[in-house]
Amino acid sequence: MEASTLPAGSGVAFGNGSGDGVDAGAGVPRTLALQVQSFIQRHLGDPDLTPAAIASAHHISVSHLHRVFKVHSQGATVAGWVRQHRLEQARRDLGDPAQQALPVHEIGARWGFAHHAVFTRAFRAAYGIPPHDHRHQELVHLARNAPPVPPATDCQETGHSESTTQRAQT
């Protein structure tokens, strides 16, 4: 894992909002916090994304990483922040009809949960429902709210335009 700078206009929200690049009260650079958060977002699927790996990628100590989070993340721990964002991504994917063929455990693994049981427990703790049940509820909700599909016309069923159909009959 390698640290990089945060692209301008990325929309990543992390910090005190002062815009000055440094939290004057704690002396912790806001830009470092933004870089760390961006790095985490890009590596959420890596099951080895730990505070030690994050700190190493940014050439800082684990204790300094924890201080950065304490100042710039409304008290969230590094591991808690990673878990929260992994769960948000998994929740989004579970409700996506395009991904309904993907097993629940694969969605969890995609977002860094190496063990299905750990993913299920974390998901249930965060959202009050197991991931499989959430997926079912989301897909049922989408199906109920989908616009009705108009009935196919003769032209749509055959794949021919009316003029082609009419010419064939003459």
Foldseek 3Di string as FASTA:
>chain_A
DAWDFDDPPPPDDKFDPPPPQADVVVRQGVRVVVRLVVVLVVCQLALPPDLCVSCVNVVHHSVSVQVSCCHIPVRAGPVRVSLVVLLVQLLVLLLDPVNVVPDSVVSSNRRNDPDQVVSQVSNCVVPVDGSVVSSVVSVVVCVVPPDDDDDDDPCRVVVHDPVVVVVVVD
